[in-house]
Amino acid sequence: MKYLSAVILTFILLAGCGKKTEQAPVKSANQYNVDSSDIKATPIDAKDETFSLEYKFPKGKTYHYRLTTITHDVQTIKSDTTLRSDVTQNIIYLIDLKPVSVDKDGVIEFNLIFNSVKLNANANGKEFNFESSTAIDSSEINKYAEYKALTGSDMGVRVTKKGEILEIFRTDKVVNNFLAIKGFADSVNAAQREQLRENMVQGAIKPLLFQVFRQTVDHPMMVDSGWTIKQPPSQLMVFNIQSTNTYKVTGLQKLSNDKLAVIEGGLKTDISGKYKVSQQGVDYTFKKPVTSAGGKFYFNLTDGCIQKAKTYTKIDINFDMKARTQKGSKEEVITNNYILERL
């Protein structure tokens, strides 16, 4: 399943939690029923009101979330013939977060459990389906090892009051489960095991938690105020990318007894690099990648968490290749959609 689950490029964008109901687990009959609509709440006319976007997560209850990630990856390679690959992947994660402590600086420690994972994918007409709570043939489980290993493993997370993820720990069970499914439990040394743990935390778990915890600010905000978050530089092929998240509070709303801040976000990207590269007798001419991103999220001012979010990213990569008498081109368009619901 590595082919389907590899993320070629993911821009870090705002995301959130789902529409709030009572704090109880979702019934199995509708646990995968994704709601992509806006929250239906009552607008509040309070343009002069100040409020805090700090995370609080009051102790004493468990916070339930449903995170849906939808990826569509289309590749077209042209030479003497044209090859086209079309992959769509839809994954739903059911997540529980239970705050266990808050230190003097407002850093919250959580117990984190991925209760269930459901995957539906189509790779060039071939269907792939997986649900962690459903029995699966032993000959098929290898394809879904990363999802099976993630399910039911109790982990720890530390997050600042501004939503910065400081640490993800107690991940040994995930690693052990993954190695056991793959049949490598007794053939991996300590260094290899640690490298695998780091890869899984940084490449799989943390990107998912970025959809739950979005970096905010620790100073008072008002309607029509905003902020930016500069991301670390990244690289895509021959290009250097500097991304900056942009956020603006567009209004306040009342949902039952809770007050919500409605926040819209986008992404500014500065892309630089060489457009022509020669390697091993092949000349490549790259076009500047075309990117776009945006979304909306609702921050629950009462509980101090994101209530719901819908975000997307899109990138178009295009380059030509020439080697002696042969030439060709490749284009890839990747679209990611994220829906996070507090249940």
C-alpha atoms as a PDB file:
ATOM      1  CA  MET A   1       0.000   0.000   0.000  1.00  0.00           C
ATOM      2  CA  LYS A   2       3.055   2.238   0.012  1.00  0.00           C
ATOM      3  CA  TYR A   3       2.317   3.238  -3.583  1.00  0.00           C
ATOM      4  CA  LEU A   4      -1.060   4.599  -2.604  1.00  0.00           C
ATOM      5  CA  SER A   5      -0.148   6.214   0.683  1.00  0.00           C
ATOM      6  CA  ALA A   6       3.076   8.023  -0.268  1.00  0.00           C
ATOM      7  CA  VAL A   7       2.672  11.794  -0.038  1.00  0.00           C
ATOM      8  CA  ILE A   8       4.708  13.528  -2.747  1.00  0.00           C
ATOM      9  CA  LEU A   9       4.101  17.000  -1.402  1.00  0.00           C
ATOM     10  CA  THR A  10       1.920  18.239   1.425  1.00  0.00           C
ATOM     11  CA  PHE A  11       1.694  21.929   2.207  1.00  0.00           C
ATOM     12  CA  ILE A  12       1.014  22.574   5.883  1.00  0.00           C
ATOM     13  CA  LEU A  13      -2.336  24.319   5.992  1.00  0.00           C
ATOM     14  CA  LEU A  14      -4.905  25.135   8.611  1.00  0.00           C
ATOM     15  CA  ALA A  15      -7.302  22.399   9.641  1.00  0.00           C
ATOM     16  CA  GLY A  16      -9.669  21.674  12.501  1.00  0.00           C
ATOM     17  CA  CYS A  17     -12.180  19.681  14.417  1.00  0.00           C
ATOM     18  CA  GLY A  18     -15.671  18.573  13.625  1.00  0.00           C
ATOM     19  CA  LYS A  19     -19.128  19.702  14.474  1.00  0.00           C
ATOM     20  CA  LYS A  20     -19.719  19.367  18.165  1.00  0.00           C
ATOM     21  CA  THR A  21     -22.302  17.062  19.663  1.00  0.00           C
ATOM     22  CA  GLU A  22     -22.275  15.348  23.049  1.00  0.00           C
ATOM     23  CA  GLN A  23     -18.932  13.914  24.106  1.00  0.00           C
ATOM     24  CA  ALA A  24     -19.667  10.270  23.305  1.00  0.00           C
ATOM     25  CA  PRO A  25     -18.174   7.786  20.836  1.00  0.00           C
ATOM     26  CA  VAL A  26     -19.781   7.679  17.406  1.00  0.00           C
ATOM     27  CA  LYS A  27     -22.032   4.696  16.850  1.00  0.00           C
ATOM     28  CA  SER A  28     -20.580   2.162  14.416  1.00  0.00           C
ATOM     29  CA  ALA A  29     -23.499   2.568  12.022  1.00  0.00           C
ATOM     30  CA  ASN A  30     -22.554   6.150  11.159  1.00  0.00           C
ATOM     31  CA  GLN A  31     -18.953   6.470  12.330  1.00  0.00           C
ATOM     32  CA  TYR A  32     -17.706   6.871   8.759  1.00  0.00           C
ATOM     33  CA  ASN A  33     -20.458   9.261   7.584  1.00  0.00           C
ATOM     34  CA  VAL A  34     -18.399  12.335   6.730  1.00  0.00           C
ATOM     35  CA  ASP A  35     -20.067  15.760   6.970  1.00  0.00           C
ATOM     36  CA  SER A  36     -18.320  18.253   4.683  1.00  0.00           C
ATOM     37  CA  SER A  37     -20.885  21.047   5.120  1.00  0.00           C
ATOM     38  CA  ASP A  38     -20.326  24.299   6.980  1.00  0.00           C
ATOM     39  CA  ILE A  39     -21.372  24.496  10.604  1.00  0.00           C
ATOM     40  CA  LYS A  40     -24.927  25.799  10.941  1.00  0.00           C
ATOM     41  CA  ALA A  41     -24.596  28.386  13.701  1.00  0.00           C
ATOM     42  CA  THR A  42     -25.940  31.842  14.549  1.00  0.00           C
ATOM     43  CA  PRO A  43     -23.760  34.841  13.550  1.00  0.00           C
ATOM     44  CA  ILE A  44     -22.758  37.226  16.344  1.00  0.00           C
ATOM     45  CA  ASP A  45     -22.288  40.946  15.726  1.00  0.00           C
ATOM     46  CA  ALA A  46     -19.233  41.590  17.905  1.00  0.00           C
ATOM     47  CA  LYS A  47     -16.603  43.342  15.798  1.00  0.00           C
ATOM     48  CA  ASP A  48     -15.131  45.167  18.780  1.00  0.00           C
ATOM     49  CA  GLU A  49     -14.883  42.073  20.975  1.00  0.00           C
ATOM     50  CA  THR A  50     -11.452  40.629  21.755  1.00  0.00           C
ATOM     51  CA  PHE A  51     -10.884  36.917  22.336  1.00  0.00           C
ATOM     52  CA  SER A  52      -8.136  34.310  22.673  1.00  0.00           C
ATOM     53  CA  LEU A  53      -7.285  31.557  20.187  1.00  0.00           C
ATOM     54  CA  GLU A  54      -5.241  29.619  22.726  1.00  0.00           C
ATOM     55  CA  TYR A  55      -5.811  25.882  23.070  1.00  0.00           C
ATOM     56  CA  LYS A  56      -7.349  24.828  26.394  1.00  0.00           C
ATOM     57  CA  PHE A  57      -8.946  21.361  26.113  1.00  0.00           C
ATOM     58  CA  PRO A  58     -10.459  21.215  29.619  1.00  0.00           C
ATOM     59  CA  LYS A  59      -9.629  17.988  31.447  1.00  0.00           C
ATOM     60  CA  GLY A  60     -12.213  15.436  32.474  1.00  0.00           C
ATOM     61  CA  LYS A  61     -13.484  14.396  29.057  1.00  0.00           C
ATOM     62  CA  THR A  62     -12.265  12.705  25.896  1.00  0.00           C
ATOM     63  CA  TYR A  63     -12.353  14.595  22.613  1.00  0.00           C
ATOM     64  CA  HIS A  64     -13.472  12.543  19.605  1.00  0.00           C
ATOM     65  CA  TYR A  65     -12.495  13.455  16.061  1.00  0.00           C
ATOM     66  CA  ARG A  66     -13.052  12.174  12.557  1.00  0.00           C
ATOM     67  CA  LEU A  67     -10.321  13.089  10.080  1.00  0.00           C
ATOM     68  CA  THR A  68     -10.889  12.448   6.382  1.00  0.00           C
ATOM     69  CA  THR A  69      -8.069  12.783   3.857  1.00  0.00           C
ATOM     70  CA  ILE A  70      -8.858  12.613   0.140  1.00  0.00           C
ATOM     71  CA  THR A  71      -5.973  12.495  -2.334  1.00  0.00           C
ATOM     72  CA  HIS A  72      -6.207  12.543  -6.124  1.00  0.00           C
ATOM     73  CA  ASP A  73      -2.964  12.039  -8.060  1.00  0.00           C
ATOM     74  CA  VAL A  74      -2.950  12.136 -11.870  1.00  0.00           C
ATOM     75  CA  GLN A  75       0.280  11.568 -13.827  1.00  0.00           C
ATOM     76  CA  THR A  76       0.670  11.833 -17.588  1.00  0.00           C
ATOM     77  CA  ILE A  77       3.895  10.754 -19.324  1.00  0.00           C
ATOM     78  CA  LYS A  78       4.285  11.449 -23.036  1.00  0.00           C
ATOM     79  CA  SER A  79       6.989  10.066 -25.334  1.00  0.00           C
ATOM     80  CA  ASP A  80       6.343   7.764 -28.287  1.00  0.00           C
ATOM     81  CA  THR A  81       3.163   6.812 -26.484  1.00  0.00           C
ATOM     82  CA  THR A  82       1.135   8.362 -23.686  1.00  0.00           C
ATOM     83  CA  LEU A  83       0.910   6.737 -20.249  1.00  0.00           C
ATOM     84  CA  ARG A  84      -1.604   7.953 -17.695  1.00  0.00           C
ATOM     85  CA  SER A  85      -1.921   7.042 -14.036  1.00  0.00           C
ATOM     86  CA  ASP A  86      -4.976   8.022 -12.006  1.00  0.00           C
ATOM     87  CA  VAL A  87      -5.040   7.275  -8.263  1.00  0.00           C
ATOM     88  CA  THR A  88      -7.701   8.325  -5.768  1.00  0.00           C
ATOM     89  CA  GLN A  89      -7.379   7.545  -2.072  1.00  0.00           C
ATOM     90  CA  ASN A  90      -9.906   8.237   0.682  1.00  0.00           C
ATOM     91  CA  ILE A  91      -8.898   7.541   4.308  1.00  0.00           C
ATOM     92  CA  ILE A  92     -11.010   8.135   7.420  1.00  0.00           C
ATOM     93  CA  TYR A  93      -9.388   8.156  10.865  1.00  0.00           C
ATOM     94  CA  LEU A  94     -11.358   8.057  14.131  1.00  0.00           C
ATOM     95  CA  ILE A  95      -9.212   9.688  16.804  1.00  0.00           C
ATOM     96  CA  ASP A  96      -9.547  10.079  20.574  1.00  0.00           C
ATOM     97  CA  LEU A  97      -7.638  12.739  22.521  1.00  0.00           C
ATOM     98  CA  LYS A  98      -7.732  12.802  26.312  1.00  0.00           C
ATOM     99  CA  PRO A  99      -5.924  15.657  28.111  1.00  0.00           C
ATOM    100  CA  VAL A 100      -4.044  14.339  31.147  1.00  0.00           C
ATOM    101  CA  SER A 101      -2.039  17.342  32.375  1.00  0.00           C
ATOM    102  CA  VAL A 102      -1.255  21.007  31.758  1.00  0.00           C
ATOM    103  CA  ASP A 103       2.053  22.512  32.916  1.00  0.00           C
ATOM    104  CA  LYS A 104       2.739  26.065  34.136  1.00  0.00           C
ATOM    105  CA  ASP A 105       3.429  27.254  30.562  1.00  0.00           C
ATOM    106  CA  GLY A 106       0.110  25.929  29.269  1.00  0.00           C
ATOM    107  CA  VAL A 107       1.619  22.883  27.497  1.00  0.00           C
ATOM    108  CA  ILE A 108      -1.045  20.153  27.326  1.00  0.00           C
ATOM    109  CA  GLU A 109      -0.216  16.458  27.427  1.00  0.00           C
ATOM    110  CA  PHE A 110      -2.693  14.103  25.747  1.00  0.00           C
ATOM    111  CA  ASN A 111      -3.284  10.397  25.497  1.00  0.00           C
ATOM    112  CA  LEU A 112      -3.823   9.742  21.786  1.00  0.00           C
ATOM    113  CA  ILE A 113      -5.499   6.721  20.210  1.00  0.00           C
ATOM    114  CA  PHE A 114      -6.387   6.079  16.581  1.00  0.00           C
ATOM    115  CA  ASN A 115      -9.485   3.967  17.227  1.00  0.00           C
ATOM    116  CA  SER A 116     -10.219   3.021  13.652  1.00  0.00           C
ATOM    117  CA  VAL A 117      -9.020   3.534  10.084  1.00  0.00           C
ATOM    118  CA  LYS A 118     -10.966   2.988   6.884  1.00  0.00           C
ATOM    119  CA  LEU A 119      -9.378   3.196   3.426  1.00  0.00           C
ATOM    120  CA  ASN A 120     -10.932   3.119  -0.031  1.00  0.00           C
ATOM    121  CA  ALA A 121      -8.703   3.612  -3.037  1.00  0.00           C
ATOM    122  CA  ASN A 122      -8.728   3.218  -6.792  1.00  0.00           C
ATOM    123  CA  ALA A 123      -5.434   2.899  -8.657  1.00  0.00           C
ATOM    124  CA  ASN A 124      -6.030   2.893 -12.408  1.00  0.00           C
ATOM    125  CA  GLY A 125      -9.247   0.940 -12.037  1.00  0.00           C
ATOM    126  CA  LYS A 126      -8.030  -1.460  -9.335  1.00  0.00           C
ATOM    127  CA  GLU A 127      -9.899  -1.205  -6.052  1.00  0.00           C
ATOM    128  CA  PHE A 128      -8.298  -1.327  -2.597  1.00  0.00           C
ATOM    129  CA  ASN A 129     -10.390  -1.445   0.576  1.00  0.00           C
ATOM    130  CA  PHE A 130      -9.401  -1.737   4.223  1.00  0.00           C
ATOM    131  CA  GLU A 131     -11.137  -1.276   7.560  1.00  0.00           C
ATOM    132  CA  SER A 132      -9.146  -1.825  10.734  1.00  0.00           C
ATOM    133  CA  SER A 133     -12.059  -3.334  12.656  1.00  0.00           C
ATOM    134  CA  THR A 134     -12.806  -5.901   9.953  1.00  0.00           C
ATOM    135  CA  ALA A 135     -10.967  -9.223   9.673  1.00  0.00           C
ATOM    136  CA  ILE A 136      -8.607  -9.360   6.709  1.00  0.00           C
ATOM    137  CA  ASP A 137      -6.871 -12.255   4.978  1.00  0.00           C
ATOM    138  CA  SER A 138      -3.275 -12.742   6.105  1.00  0.00           C
ATOM    139  CA  SER A 139      -2.103 -12.547   2.488  1.00  0.00           C
ATOM    140  CA  GLU A 140      -3.543  -9.028   2.201  1.00  0.00           C
ATOM    141  CA  ILE A 141      -2.617  -7.467   5.538  1.00  0.00           C
ATOM    142  CA  ASN A 142       0.926  -6.556   4.394  1.00  0.00           C
ATOM    143  CA  LYS A 143      -0.543  -3.947   2.037  1.00  0.00           C
ATOM    144  CA  TYR A 144      -2.122  -2.125   4.949  1.00  0.00           C
ATOM    145  CA  ALA A 145       0.529  -2.669   7.644  1.00  0.00           C
ATOM    146  CA  GLU A 146       0.946   1.030   8.475  1.00  0.00           C
ATOM    147  CA  TYR A 147      -2.785   1.487   9.092  1.00  0.00           C
ATOM    148  CA  LYS A 148      -3.236  -1.738  11.052  1.00  0.00           C
ATOM    149  CA  ALA A 149      -0.224  -0.926  13.232  1.00  0.00           C
ATOM    150  CA  LEU A 150      -1.542   2.554  13.979  1.00  0.00           C
ATOM    151  CA  THR A 151      -4.958   1.391  15.162  1.00  0.00           C
ATOM    152  CA  GLY A 152      -5.430   0.922  18.893  1.00  0.00           C
ATOM    153  CA  SER A 153      -1.914   1.997  19.884  1.00  0.00           C
ATOM    154  CA  ASP A 154      -1.901   4.359  22.892  1.00  0.00           C
ATOM    155  CA  MET A 155       0.509   7.265  22.328  1.00  0.00           C
ATOM    156  CA  GLY A 156       1.377  10.525  24.067  1.00  0.00           C
ATOM    157  CA  VAL A 157       1.378  14.051  22.599  1.00  0.00           C
ATOM    158  CA  ARG A 158       2.514  17.379  24.042  1.00  0.00           C
ATOM    159  CA  VAL A 159       1.105  20.572  22.491  1.00  0.00           C
ATOM    160  CA  THR A 160       1.600  24.246  23.362  1.00  0.00           C
ATOM    161  CA  LYS A 161      -1.304  26.614  23.953  1.00  0.00           C
ATOM    162  CA  LYS A 162      -0.602  28.027  20.457  1.00  0.00           C
ATOM    163  CA  GLY A 163      -1.025  24.584  18.846  1.00  0.00           C
ATOM    164  CA  GLU A 164       2.632  23.752  18.276  1.00  0.00           C
ATOM    165  CA  ILE A 165       3.279  20.000  18.523  1.00  0.00           C
ATOM    166  CA  LEU A 166       6.319  19.631  20.793  1.00  0.00           C
ATOM    167  CA  GLU A 167       6.560  15.872  21.137  1.00  0.00           C
ATOM    168  CA  ILE A 168       4.934  12.606  20.089  1.00  0.00           C
ATOM    169  CA  PHE A 169       6.001   9.749  22.346  1.00  0.00           C
ATOM    170  CA  ARG A 170       5.106   6.214  23.463  1.00  0.00           C
ATOM    171  CA  THR A 171       5.139   5.097  19.822  1.00  0.00           C
ATOM    172  CA  ASP A 172       6.996   1.811  20.407  1.00  0.00           C
ATOM    173  CA  LYS A 173       3.787  -0.197  20.104  1.00  0.00           C
ATOM    174  CA  VAL A 174       3.105   1.204  16.635  1.00  0.00           C
ATOM    175  CA  VAL A 175       6.610   0.280  15.496  1.00  0.00           C
ATOM    176  CA  ASN A 176       6.433  -3.194  17.043  1.00  0.00           C
ATOM    177  CA  ASN A 177       3.049  -3.872  15.455  1.00  0.00           C
ATOM    178  CA  PHE A 178       4.290  -2.730  12.055  1.00  0.00           C
ATOM    179  CA  LEU A 179       7.414  -4.921  12.208  1.00  0.00           C
ATOM    180  CA  ALA A 180       5.375  -7.927  13.358  1.00  0.00           C
ATOM    181  CA  ILE A 181       2.934  -7.557  10.463  1.00  0.00           C
ATOM    182  CA  LYS A 182       5.817  -7.230   8.011  1.00  0.00           C
ATOM    183  CA  GLY A 183       7.603 -10.230   9.519  1.00  0.00           C
ATOM    184  CA  PHE A 184      10.708  -8.282  10.584  1.00  0.00           C
ATOM    185  CA  ALA A 185      10.227  -8.248  14.371  1.00  0.00           C
ATOM    186  CA  ASP A 186      13.375 -10.313  15.053  1.00  0.00           C
ATOM    187  CA  SER A 187      15.584  -9.039  12.232  1.00  0.00           C
ATOM    188  CA  VAL A 188      15.776  -5.285  12.932  1.00  0.00           C
ATOM    189  CA  ASN A 189      18.459  -3.855  15.199  1.00  0.00           C
ATOM    190  CA  ALA A 190      17.987  -1.005  17.673  1.00  0.00           C
ATOM    191  CA  ALA A 191      19.264   1.692  15.313  1.00  0.00           C
ATOM    192  CA  GLN A 192      16.991   0.539  12.480  1.00  0.00           C
ATOM    193  CA  ARG A 193      14.040   0.371  14.860  1.00  0.00           C
ATOM    194  CA  GLU A 194      14.682   3.936  16.034  1.00  0.00           C
ATOM    195  CA  GLN A 195      14.976   5.176  12.449  1.00  0.00           C
ATOM    196  CA  LEU A 196      11.672   3.512  11.596  1.00  0.00           C
ATOM    197  CA  ARG A 197      10.060   5.092  14.660  1.00  0.00           C
ATOM    198  CA  GLU A 198      11.278   8.550  13.627  1.00  0.00           C
ATOM    199  CA  ASN A 199      10.078   8.035  10.037  1.00  0.00           C
ATOM    200  CA  MET A 200       6.620   6.971  11.207  1.00  0.00           C
ATOM    201  CA  VAL A 201       6.290   9.878  13.634  1.00  0.00           C
ATOM    202  CA  GLN A 202       7.475  12.557  11.204  1.00  0.00           C
ATOM    203  CA  GLY A 203       6.038  11.079   8.005  1.00  0.00           C
ATOM    204  CA  ALA A 204       2.723   9.615   9.146  1.00  0.00           C
ATOM    205  CA  ILE A 205       1.523  10.528  12.642  1.00  0.00           C
ATOM    206  CA  LYS A 206       2.604  14.162  12.888  1.00  0.00           C
ATOM    207  CA  PRO A 207       1.098  15.238   9.521  1.00  0.00           C
ATOM    208  CA  LEU A 208      -2.248  13.859  10.694  1.00  0.00           C
ATOM    209  CA  LEU A 209      -2.039  15.739  13.992  1.00  0.00           C
ATOM    210  CA  PHE A 210      -1.255  18.934  12.066  1.00  0.00           C
ATOM    211  CA  GLN A 211      -4.885  18.714  10.973  1.00  0.00           C
ATOM    212  CA  VAL A 212      -6.058  18.750  14.605  1.00  0.00           C
ATOM    213  CA  PHE A 213      -3.649  21.339  16.013  1.00  0.00           C
ATOM    214  CA  ARG A 214      -3.152  24.493  13.945  1.00  0.00           C
ATOM    215  CA  GLN A 215      -0.698  27.094  15.117  1.00  0.00           C
ATOM    216  CA  THR A 216      -2.475  30.206  16.355  1.00  0.00           C
ATOM    217  CA  VAL A 217      -1.265  33.225  18.341  1.00  0.00           C
ATOM    218  CA  ASP A 218      -1.066  34.030  22.050  1.00  0.00           C
ATOM    219  CA  HIS A 219      -2.274  37.632  21.882  1.00  0.00           C
ATOM    220  CA  PRO A 220      -5.882  38.931  21.769  1.00  0.00           C
ATOM    221  CA  MET A 221      -7.680  38.778  18.409  1.00  0.00           C
ATOM    222  CA  MET A 222     -10.700  40.511  16.887  1.00  0.00           C
ATOM    223  CA  VAL A 223     -12.896  40.014  13.845  1.00  0.00           C
ATOM    224  CA  ASP A 224     -10.980  41.054  10.689  1.00  0.00           C
ATOM    225  CA  SER A 225      -7.619  40.572  12.423  1.00  0.00           C
ATOM    226  CA  GLY A 226      -5.152  38.000  11.150  1.00  0.00           C
ATOM    227  CA  TRP A 227      -1.745  36.410  11.461  1.00  0.00           C
ATOM    228  CA  THR A 228       0.847  34.496   9.456  1.00  0.00           C
ATOM    229  CA  ILE A 229       2.979  31.425  10.171  1.00  0.00           C
ATOM    230  CA  LYS A 230       6.191  30.948   8.195  1.00  0.00           C
ATOM    231  CA  GLN A 231       6.968  27.303   7.516  1.00  0.00           C
ATOM    232  CA  PRO A 232      10.466  25.762   7.311  1.00  0.00           C
ATOM    233  CA  PRO A 233      11.900  25.741   3.761  1.00  0.00           C
ATOM    234  CA  SER A 234      11.161  22.615   1.728  1.00  0.00           C
ATOM    235  CA  GLN A 235      12.403  21.179  -1.541  1.00  0.00           C
ATOM    236  CA  LEU A 236      10.599  19.746  -4.551  1.00  0.00           C
ATOM    237  CA  MET A 237      12.836  18.306  -7.273  1.00  0.00           C
ATOM    238  CA  VAL A 238      15.054  21.244  -8.339  1.00  0.00           C
ATOM    239  CA  PHE A 239      12.966  23.908  -6.586  1.00  0.00           C
ATOM    240  CA  ASN A 240      13.245  25.494  -3.165  1.00  0.00           C
ATOM    241  CA  ILE A 241       9.892  26.354  -1.621  1.00  0.00           C
ATOM    242  CA  GLN A 242       9.205  28.839   1.142  1.00  0.00           C
ATOM    243  CA  SER A 243       5.621  28.681   2.364  1.00  0.00           C
ATOM    244  CA  THR A 244       3.734  31.059   4.621  1.00  0.00           C
ATOM    245  CA  ASN A 245       0.302  30.315   6.065  1.00  0.00           C
ATOM    246  CA  THR A 246      -2.106  33.259   6.168  1.00  0.00           C
ATOM    247  CA  TYR A 247      -5.118  33.450   8.493  1.00  0.00           C
ATOM    248  CA  LYS A 248      -7.946  35.934   8.992  1.00  0.00           C
ATOM    249  CA  VAL A 249     -10.814  35.913  11.482  1.00  0.00           C
ATOM    250  CA  THR A 250     -13.945  36.626   9.439  1.00  0.00           C
ATOM    251  CA  GLY A 251     -16.649  36.402  12.104  1.00  0.00           C
ATOM    252  CA  LEU A 252     -18.042  35.013  15.348  1.00  0.00           C
ATOM    253  CA  GLN A 253     -20.869  32.498  15.709  1.00  0.00           C
ATOM    254  CA  LYS A 254     -22.955  30.901  18.450  1.00  0.00           C
ATOM    255  CA  LEU A 255     -23.289  27.089  18.434  1.00  0.00           C
ATOM    256  CA  SER A 256     -25.531  25.896  21.266  1.00  0.00           C
ATOM    257  CA  ASN A 257     -23.750  27.216  24.383  1.00  0.00           C
ATOM    258  CA  ASP A 258     -20.385  27.615  22.648  1.00  0.00           C
ATOM    259  CA  LYS A 259     -18.883  30.582  20.840  1.00  0.00           C
ATOM    260  CA  LEU A 260     -16.953  29.978  17.605  1.00  0.00           C
ATOM    261  CA  ALA A 261     -14.451  32.098  15.678  1.00  0.00           C
ATOM    262  CA  VAL A 262     -14.635  31.592  11.913  1.00  0.00           C
ATOM    263  CA  ILE A 263     -11.188  31.692  10.341  1.00  0.00           C
ATOM    264  CA  GLU A 264     -10.234  31.589   6.672  1.00  0.00           C
ATOM    265  CA  GLY A 265      -6.745  30.683   5.563  1.00  0.00           C
ATOM    266  CA  GLY A 266      -4.508  30.463   2.560  1.00  0.00           C
ATOM    267  CA  LEU A 267      -0.923  29.804   1.613  1.00  0.00           C
ATOM    268  CA  LYS A 268       1.675  32.035   0.002  1.00  0.00           C
ATOM    269  CA  THR A 269       4.557  30.251  -1.705  1.00  0.00           C
ATOM    270  CA  ASP A 270       7.886  31.583  -2.944  1.00  0.00           C
ATOM    271  CA  ILE A 271       9.415  29.106  -5.416  1.00  0.00           C
ATOM    272  CA  SER A 272      12.962  29.369  -6.758  1.00  0.00           C
ATOM    273  CA  GLY A 273      15.523  27.072  -8.371  1.00  0.00           C
ATOM    274  CA  LYS A 274      17.099  25.913 -11.618  1.00  0.00           C
ATOM    275  CA  TYR A 275      14.765  25.369 -14.538  1.00  0.00           C
ATOM    276  CA  LYS A 276      17.231  23.357 -16.642  1.00  0.00           C
ATOM    277  CA  VAL A 277      19.234  20.401 -15.346  1.00  0.00           C
ATOM    278  CA  SER A 278      21.319  17.729 -17.106  1.00  0.00           C
ATOM    279  CA  GLN A 279      21.861  14.344 -15.492  1.00  0.00           C
ATOM    280  CA  GLN A 280      23.255  11.094 -16.913  1.00  0.00           C
ATOM    281  CA  GLY A 281      22.842  12.241 -20.495  1.00  0.00           C
ATOM    282  CA  VAL A 282      19.274  13.481 -20.038  1.00  0.00           C
ATOM    283  CA  ASP A 283      18.332  17.165 -20.271  1.00  0.00           C
ATOM    284  CA  TYR A 284      15.418  18.253 -18.105  1.00  0.00           C
ATOM    285  CA  THR A 285      13.482  21.489 -18.516  1.00  0.00           C
ATOM    286  CA  PHE A 286      11.222  22.212 -15.548  1.00  0.00           C
ATOM    287  CA  LYS A 287       8.270  24.546 -15.436  1.00  0.00           C
ATOM    288  CA  LYS A 288       7.616  26.438 -12.244  1.00  0.00           C
ATOM    289  CA  PRO A 289       5.150  24.407 -10.123  1.00  0.00           C
ATOM    290  CA  VAL A 290       1.674  25.910  -9.874  1.00  0.00           C
ATOM    291  CA  THR A 291       0.290  25.773  -6.336  1.00  0.00           C
ATOM    292  CA  SER A 292      -2.910  26.737  -4.582  1.00  0.00           C
ATOM    293  CA  ALA A 293      -4.334  26.168  -1.115  1.00  0.00           C
ATOM    294  CA  GLY A 294      -7.142  27.418   1.062  1.00  0.00           C
ATOM    295  CA  GLY A 295      -9.760  26.567   3.601  1.00  0.00           C
ATOM    296  CA  LYS A 296     -11.884  27.512   6.560  1.00  0.00           C
ATOM    297  CA  PHE A 297     -11.925  26.419  10.160  1.00  0.00           C
ATOM    298  CA  TYR A 298     -14.023  27.105  13.233  1.00  0.00           C
ATOM    299  CA  PHE A 299     -12.197  27.658  16.522  1.00  0.00           C
ATOM    300  CA  ASN A 300     -14.252  26.857  19.613  1.00  0.00           C
ATOM    301  CA  LEU A 301     -13.520  29.761  21.954  1.00  0.00           C
ATOM    302  CA  THR A 302     -15.356  28.066  24.826  1.00  0.00           C
ATOM    303  CA  ASP A 303     -13.372  24.810  24.874  1.00  0.00           C
ATOM    304  CA  GLY A 304     -10.209  26.169  23.271  1.00  0.00           C
ATOM    305  CA  CYS A 305      -9.937  23.814  20.287  1.00  0.00           C
ATOM    306  CA  ILE A 306     -10.726  23.757  16.598  1.00  0.00           C
ATOM    307  CA  GLN A 307     -14.313  22.694  16.058  1.00  0.00           C
ATOM    308  CA  LYS A 308     -14.326  21.869  12.347  1.00  0.00           C
ATOM    309  CA  ALA A 309     -12.269  22.478   9.220  1.00  0.00           C
ATOM    310  CA  LYS A 310     -12.260  21.996   5.468  1.00  0.00           C
ATOM    311  CA  THR A 311      -8.987  22.632   3.662  1.00  0.00           C
ATOM    312  CA  TYR A 312      -7.292  21.757   0.390  1.00  0.00           C
ATOM    313  CA  THR A 313      -3.948  21.903  -1.382  1.00  0.00           C
ATOM    314  CA  LYS A 314      -3.155  21.500  -5.068  1.00  0.00           C
ATOM    315  CA  ILE A 315       0.093  21.375  -7.011  1.00  0.00           C
ATOM    316  CA  ASP A 316       0.805  20.979 -10.738  1.00  0.00           C
ATOM    317  CA  ILE A 317       4.292  19.687 -11.640  1.00  0.00           C
ATOM    318  CA  ASN A 318       5.448  19.723 -15.260  1.00  0.00           C
ATOM    319  CA  PHE A 319       8.775  19.052 -17.020  1.00  0.00           C
ATOM    320  CA  ASP A 320      10.223  18.004 -20.372  1.00  0.00           C
ATOM    321  CA  MET A 321      12.971  15.418 -20.950  1.00  0.00           C
ATOM    322  CA  LYS A 322      15.368  15.021 -23.871  1.00  0.00           C
ATOM    323  CA  ALA A 323      18.055  12.364 -24.450  1.00  0.00           C
ATOM    324  CA  ARG A 324      19.750  12.147 -27.853  1.00  0.00           C
ATOM    325  CA  THR A 325      16.944  11.338 -30.308  1.00  0.00           C
ATOM    326  CA  GLN A 326      14.299  10.722 -27.673  1.00  0.00           C
ATOM    327  CA  LYS A 327      12.171  13.256 -25.903  1.00  0.00           C
ATOM    328  CA  GLY A 328       9.172  13.299 -23.661  1.00  0.00           C
ATOM    329  CA  SER A 329       7.307  15.112 -20.910  1.00  0.00           C
ATOM    330  CA  LYS A 330       5.675  14.450 -17.573  1.00  0.00           C
ATOM    331  CA  GLU A 331       2.868  16.269 -15.776  1.00  0.00           C
ATOM    332  CA  GLU A 332       1.542  15.447 -12.323  1.00  0.00           C
ATOM    333  CA  VAL A 333      -1.401  17.098 -10.590  1.00  0.00           C
ATOM    334  CA  ILE A 334      -1.905  16.307  -6.895  1.00  0.00           C
ATOM    335  CA  THR A 335      -4.965  17.479  -4.970  1.00  0.00           C
ATOM    336  CA  ASN A 336      -5.419  16.925  -1.229  1.00  0.00           C
ATOM    337  CA  ASN A 337      -8.642  17.621   0.659  1.00  0.00           C
ATOM    338  CA  TYR A 338      -8.950  17.428   4.437  1.00  0.00           C
ATOM    339  CA  ILE A 339     -12.120  17.388   6.536  1.00  0.00           C
ATOM    340  CA  LEU A 340     -11.792  17.304  10.311  1.00  0.00           C
ATOM    341  CA  GLU A 341     -14.875  17.024  12.524  1.00  0.00           C
ATOM    342  CA  ARG A 342     -15.229  17.137  16.261  1.00  0.00           C
ATOM    343  CA  LEU A 343     -17.802  14.507  17.108  1.00  0.00           C
END
